[in-house]
Amino acid sequence: MTIYPLTFSLFGLEVTGFGIMMMLAFLAAGWVMQLELQRRRLNPEFSADIVVAAVVGGILGARLWYVALHGGPLISRAGLVWYGGFLGGVAAVIAMSWWKRVPIRFTFELTAPALALGHGLGRVGCFLVQDDYGVPTTLPWGMRFPQGQPPTTAAALARWGIDIPPGTPPETVLAVHPTQLYEVAALLFVFWLLWRQRRHGHAVGWLFGGYLVAVGVERFLVEVLRAKDDRLLGALTLAQVTSLVLVVAGSGILVRLRRPDGFTVEPKDGLAPRTAT
């Protein structure tokens, strides 16, 4: 199957599938957080504060991580790394939560399902611009990306150290694993699990530990099939090493917060419901 990127012009501006899905990802994440805040009878507008902080910190962090790895100008439409965006978004949301005087543990609890949903929708954007694909495959669902970033040609894949069948012409477009879609399915499943667990009886913040473990395991496994050239520790990629760190951190949170500790969230400051005047 041969797939081409989704791009079109709107009022003279180039619109990409990635941009569309990024917008939808943040909107969907904000919506599910708003639903949870309403269920708890807290200020639903706090979800918008989180989304704004995550957008600014996430995009800046994703770009800084990419520049640190590959160089290039800081301001560019190309080159975003998810783990950099995750760390930048977390830092910005922590700062915003502190400024609003909202307990950070509660903020993490609130964002856990939303992060999984937003990440899954964002991976659809990666598929639509044909980035972050996998190694060559002969499976029936393998996809060819002749205009991918980079194209899935034998020459481009060979530059990443991927074994190409001898005698394959350099310009041949090979079918690869659509790892973006693998992640979409996995992350939507993680969202479903976390959403069902949001009434858990553990301490506040426990749900975020579950998110870290699930997303770390998901990314570690997908990296096995990713077409990458950033091996860090032997056969492990930078993303896999980062994934292991997240799994360890998440496991620590799950253990530390497994029992209720009397921590409660009161509707005050940034969480106070607004009343009509």
Protein backbone atom coordinates (compact mmCIF):
# COMPACT_ATOMS: atom_id res chain seq x y z
CA MET A 1 0.00 0.00 0.00
CA THR A 2 1.37 3.39 -1.01
CA ILE A 3 0.44 6.38 1.16
CA TYR A 4 1.02 10.08 0.49
CA PRO A 5 1.09 12.89 3.08
CA LEU A 6 -2.00 14.96 3.81
CA THR A 7 -1.26 18.58 2.95
CA PHE A 8 -3.35 21.31 1.39
CA SER A 9 -3.44 25.08 1.07
CA LEU A 10 -5.98 27.19 2.93
CA PHE A 11 -6.04 30.93 2.25
CA GLY A 12 -2.44 30.74 1.10
CA LEU A 13 -1.25 28.81 4.17
CA GLU A 14 0.02 25.24 4.07
CA VAL A 15 -2.03 22.95 6.30
CA THR A 16 -0.71 19.51 7.22
CA GLY A 17 -2.32 16.47 8.74
CA PHE A 18 0.09 16.75 11.64
CA GLY A 19 -1.05 20.27 12.45
CA ILE A 20 -4.71 19.26 12.28
CA MET A 21 -4.23 16.27 14.57
CA MET A 22 -2.12 18.26 17.05
CA MET A 23 -4.98 20.73 17.37
CA LEU A 24 -7.50 17.92 17.81
CA ALA A 25 -5.23 16.21 20.35
CA PHE A 26 -5.09 19.25 22.61
CA LEU A 27 -8.83 19.89 22.24
CA ALA A 28 -9.69 16.28 23.07
CA ALA A 29 -7.33 16.24 26.06
CA GLY A 30 -8.86 19.46 27.35
CA TRP A 31 -12.36 18.07 26.88
CA VAL A 32 -11.79 14.88 28.92
CA MET A 33 -10.13 16.90 31.71
CA GLN A 34 -13.12 19.24 31.71
CA LEU A 35 -15.47 16.27 32.08
CA GLU A 36 -13.52 15.00 35.07
CA LEU A 37 -13.46 18.41 36.72
CA GLN A 38 -17.21 18.72 36.27
CA ARG A 39 -17.69 15.27 37.81
CA ARG A 40 -15.69 16.40 40.84
CA ARG A 41 -17.66 19.71 40.99
CA LEU A 42 -14.50 21.71 40.41
CA ASN A 43 -13.75 24.59 38.05
CA PRO A 44 -13.78 23.11 34.51
CA GLU A 45 -11.82 26.09 33.19
CA PHE A 46 -8.70 24.71 34.86
CA SER A 47 -8.50 22.29 31.92
CA ALA A 48 -7.91 25.23 29.57
CA ASP A 49 -5.05 26.46 31.77
CA ILE A 50 -3.43 23.03 31.55
CA VAL A 51 -3.84 22.88 27.76
CA VAL A 52 -2.26 26.32 27.22
CA ALA A 53 0.71 25.45 29.44
CA ALA A 54 1.12 22.06 27.76
CA VAL A 55 1.04 23.58 24.25
CA VAL A 56 3.70 26.18 25.02
CA GLY A 57 5.95 23.92 27.10
CA GLY A 58 5.40 20.87 24.90
CA ILE A 59 6.28 22.50 21.61
CA LEU A 60 9.30 24.28 23.09
CA GLY A 61 10.54 21.10 24.79
CA ALA A 62 10.02 18.98 21.66
CA ARG A 63 11.96 21.45 19.56
CA LEU A 64 14.80 21.86 22.09
CA TRP A 65 15.22 18.07 22.32
CA TYR A 66 15.37 17.80 18.52
CA VAL A 67 17.92 20.61 18.23
CA ALA A 68 20.06 19.00 20.95
CA LEU A 69 20.06 15.72 19.02
CA HIS A 70 20.28 16.92 15.43
CA GLY A 71 21.20 20.60 15.48
CA GLY A 72 19.55 23.27 13.37
CA PRO A 73 17.65 26.48 14.18
CA LEU A 74 15.39 26.57 17.23
CA ILE A 75 12.49 28.14 15.32
CA SER A 76 11.37 25.74 12.60
CA ARG A 77 8.22 23.86 11.58
CA ALA A 78 10.17 20.62 11.22
CA GLY A 79 11.65 18.38 13.88
CA LEU A 80 9.76 17.61 17.08
CA VAL A 81 10.63 14.83 19.56
CA TRP A 82 7.82 13.43 21.68
CA TYR A 83 9.85 12.82 24.84
CA GLY A 84 11.16 16.39 24.69
CA GLY A 85 7.60 17.62 24.30
CA PHE A 86 6.45 15.47 27.20
CA LEU A 87 9.14 16.78 29.55
CA GLY A 88 8.64 20.38 28.44
CA GLY A 89 4.88 20.09 28.81
CA VAL A 90 5.21 18.54 32.27
CA ALA A 91 7.53 21.35 33.41
CA ALA A 92 5.16 24.03 32.11
CA VAL A 93 2.08 22.38 33.68
CA ILE A 94 3.89 22.06 37.03
CA ALA A 95 4.77 25.76 36.92
CA MET A 96 1.19 26.71 36.03
CA SER A 97 -0.23 24.46 38.76
CA TRP A 98 2.07 26.03 41.34
CA TRP A 99 1.10 29.52 40.17
CA LYS A 100 -2.60 28.64 40.44
CA ARG A 101 -1.98 27.07 43.87
CA VAL A 102 -3.45 23.76 42.72
CA PRO A 103 -1.86 20.64 44.29
CA ILE A 104 0.52 19.16 41.74
CA ARG A 105 -0.50 15.64 42.70
CA PHE A 106 -4.06 16.42 41.68
CA THR A 107 -2.94 18.01 38.41
CA PHE A 108 -0.98 14.87 37.51
CA GLU A 109 -3.97 12.71 38.41
CA LEU A 110 -6.24 14.80 36.22
CA THR A 111 -3.93 14.78 33.20
CA ALA A 112 -3.15 11.03 33.09
CA PRO A 113 -6.01 9.87 30.82
CA ALA A 114 -5.87 13.08 28.79
CA LEU A 115 -2.17 12.58 28.04
CA ALA A 116 -2.80 9.10 26.65
CA LEU A 117 -5.67 10.33 24.47
CA GLY A 118 -3.80 13.37 23.19
CA HIS A 119 -0.66 11.34 22.47
CA GLY A 120 -2.67 8.76 20.52
CA LEU A 121 -4.31 11.41 18.35
CA GLY A 122 -0.95 13.09 17.84
CA ARG A 123 0.43 9.83 16.43
CA VAL A 124 -2.29 9.95 13.79
CA GLY A 125 -0.68 13.24 12.75
CA CYS A 126 2.70 11.52 12.48
CA PHE A 127 1.12 8.97 10.15
CA LEU A 128 -0.48 11.69 8.02
CA VAL A 129 2.91 13.36 7.45
CA GLN A 130 4.65 9.96 7.20
CA ASP A 131 7.13 10.42 10.01
CA ASP A 132 8.25 7.96 12.72
CA TYR A 133 7.62 4.82 10.67
CA GLY A 134 9.16 1.40 11.14
CA VAL A 135 11.62 -0.95 9.50
CA PRO A 136 10.88 -2.73 6.19
CA THR A 137 8.33 -5.54 6.30
CA THR A 138 6.63 -8.01 3.97
CA LEU A 139 3.46 -8.15 6.06
CA PRO A 140 0.19 -7.38 4.21
CA TRP A 141 -0.31 -4.09 6.09
CA GLY A 142 3.15 -2.75 5.30
CA MET A 143 3.02 0.76 3.82
CA ARG A 144 5.19 2.66 1.36
CA PHE A 145 5.87 6.34 1.98
CA PRO A 146 7.44 7.79 -1.21
CA GLN A 147 7.18 11.31 0.21
CA GLY A 148 7.88 10.41 3.84
CA GLN A 149 10.27 12.20 6.19
CA PRO A 150 12.46 10.78 4.80
CA PRO A 151 10.97 8.65 2.00
CA THR A 152 11.09 4.90 2.62
CA THR A 153 13.57 4.30 -0.18
CA ALA A 154 16.28 1.68 0.07
CA ALA A 155 18.94 4.39 0.04
CA ALA A 156 17.35 6.43 2.86
CA LEU A 157 16.79 3.39 5.07
CA ALA A 158 20.31 2.11 4.44
CA ARG A 159 21.70 5.40 5.76
CA TRP A 160 20.05 4.52 9.08
CA GLY A 161 21.95 1.26 9.17
CA ILE A 162 18.90 -0.85 8.27
CA ASP A 163 19.64 -4.04 6.37
CA ILE A 164 18.38 -3.87 2.78
CA PRO A 165 18.20 -6.96 0.52
CA PRO A 166 21.34 -7.10 -1.66
CA GLY A 167 20.80 -5.84 -5.16
CA THR A 168 17.87 -3.58 -4.25
CA PRO A 169 18.03 -0.40 -6.37
CA PRO A 170 18.59 2.66 -4.13
CA GLU A 171 15.46 4.41 -5.42
CA THR A 172 13.15 1.48 -4.60
CA VAL A 173 10.36 2.51 -2.21
CA LEU A 174 10.04 -0.22 0.42
CA ALA A 175 7.03 -1.15 2.54
CA VAL A 176 7.60 -0.50 6.25
CA HIS A 177 5.79 -1.10 9.53
CA PRO A 178 3.24 1.70 10.16
CA THR A 179 4.45 2.03 13.74
CA GLN A 180 2.52 5.29 14.08
CA LEU A 181 -0.72 3.31 13.81
CA TYR A 182 0.56 0.67 16.23
CA GLU A 183 1.02 3.45 18.76
CA VAL A 184 -2.40 4.93 18.05
CA ALA A 185 -4.06 1.61 18.90
CA ALA A 186 -1.91 1.07 22.00
CA LEU A 187 -2.38 4.59 23.37
CA LEU A 188 -6.15 4.61 22.86
CA PHE A 189 -6.24 1.35 24.81
CA VAL A 190 -4.17 2.99 27.57
CA PHE A 191 -6.61 5.91 27.61
CA TRP A 192 -9.53 3.49 27.98
CA LEU A 193 -7.85 1.74 30.90
CA LEU A 194 -6.97 4.97 32.71
CA TRP A 195 -10.39 6.49 32.14
CA ARG A 196 -12.03 3.46 33.74
CA GLN A 197 -9.65 3.71 36.72
CA ARG A 198 -10.20 7.37 37.55
CA ARG A 199 -12.46 6.44 40.52
CA HIS A 200 -9.72 4.25 42.02
CA GLY A 201 -9.35 3.98 45.78
CA HIS A 202 -5.63 4.74 45.91
CA ALA A 203 -4.00 8.02 46.88
CA VAL A 204 -4.33 11.05 44.62
CA GLY A 205 -1.64 10.91 41.93
CA TRP A 206 -1.61 7.11 41.67
CA LEU A 207 -3.21 7.25 38.22
CA PHE A 208 -0.28 9.23 36.82
CA GLY A 209 2.06 6.44 37.87
CA GLY A 210 -0.07 4.04 35.85
CA TYR A 211 0.21 6.33 32.85
CA LEU A 212 4.00 6.49 33.08
CA VAL A 213 4.32 2.70 33.26
CA ALA A 214 1.90 2.07 30.40
CA VAL A 215 3.34 4.66 28.03
CA GLY A 216 6.90 3.62 28.86
CA VAL A 217 6.19 -0.04 28.07
CA GLU A 218 4.30 0.90 24.89
CA ARG A 219 7.09 3.08 23.54
CA PHE A 220 9.84 0.61 24.49
CA LEU A 221 8.13 -2.16 22.50
CA VAL A 222 7.31 0.00 19.47
CA GLU A 223 10.94 1.13 19.28
CA VAL A 224 11.90 -2.45 18.41
CA LEU A 225 10.24 -1.91 15.02
CA ARG A 226 11.06 1.76 14.52
CA ALA A 227 13.48 2.84 11.82
CA LYS A 228 15.97 4.67 14.03
CA ASP A 229 19.64 5.61 14.07
CA ASP A 230 19.99 6.88 17.66
CA ARG A 231 21.21 3.77 19.51
CA LEU A 232 22.44 4.87 22.92
CA LEU A 233 23.23 1.82 25.05
CA GLY A 234 24.07 -1.12 22.84
CA ALA A 235 20.90 -2.04 20.99
CA LEU A 236 18.77 0.35 23.06
CA THR A 237 17.66 3.63 21.50
CA LEU A 238 17.49 6.91 23.37
CA ALA A 239 13.70 6.56 23.48
CA GLN A 240 13.96 3.09 25.00
CA VAL A 241 16.33 4.29 27.70
CA THR A 242 13.93 7.14 28.46
CA SER A 243 11.06 4.64 28.48
CA LEU A 244 12.82 2.55 31.12
CA VAL A 245 13.25 5.65 33.27
CA LEU A 246 9.52 6.37 32.98
CA VAL A 247 8.61 2.79 33.89
CA VAL A 248 10.82 2.94 36.99
CA ALA A 249 9.43 6.33 38.01
CA GLY A 250 5.85 5.24 37.38
CA SER A 251 6.34 2.01 39.34
CA GLY A 252 7.65 4.05 42.26
CA ILE A 253 4.55 6.25 42.18
CA LEU A 254 2.24 3.23 42.04
CA VAL A 255 3.92 1.70 45.08
CA ARG A 256 4.24 4.95 47.03
CA LEU A 257 0.60 5.98 46.49
CA ARG A 258 -1.05 2.58 46.54
CA ARG A 259 -2.86 3.31 49.82
CA PRO A 260 -5.12 6.29 50.59
CA ASP A 261 -3.25 8.86 52.66
CA GLY A 262 -5.97 11.33 53.55
CA PHE A 263 -4.93 13.78 50.83
CA THR A 264 -7.97 15.65 49.52
CA VAL A 265 -8.54 18.33 46.92
CA GLU A 266 -10.62 21.29 48.03
CA PRO A 267 -12.46 23.56 45.57
CA LYS A 268 -10.44 26.67 46.15
CA ASP A 269 -8.11 28.99 44.25
CA GLY A 270 -7.65 27.67 40.69
CA LEU A 271 -10.20 24.88 41.26
CA ALA A 272 -13.03 26.93 42.69
CA PRO A 273 -16.18 26.67 40.55
CA ARG A 274 -17.21 30.07 39.22
CA THR A 275 -20.66 31.23 40.19
CA ALA A 276 -22.90 33.57 38.29
CA THR A 277 -23.13 37.15 39.53
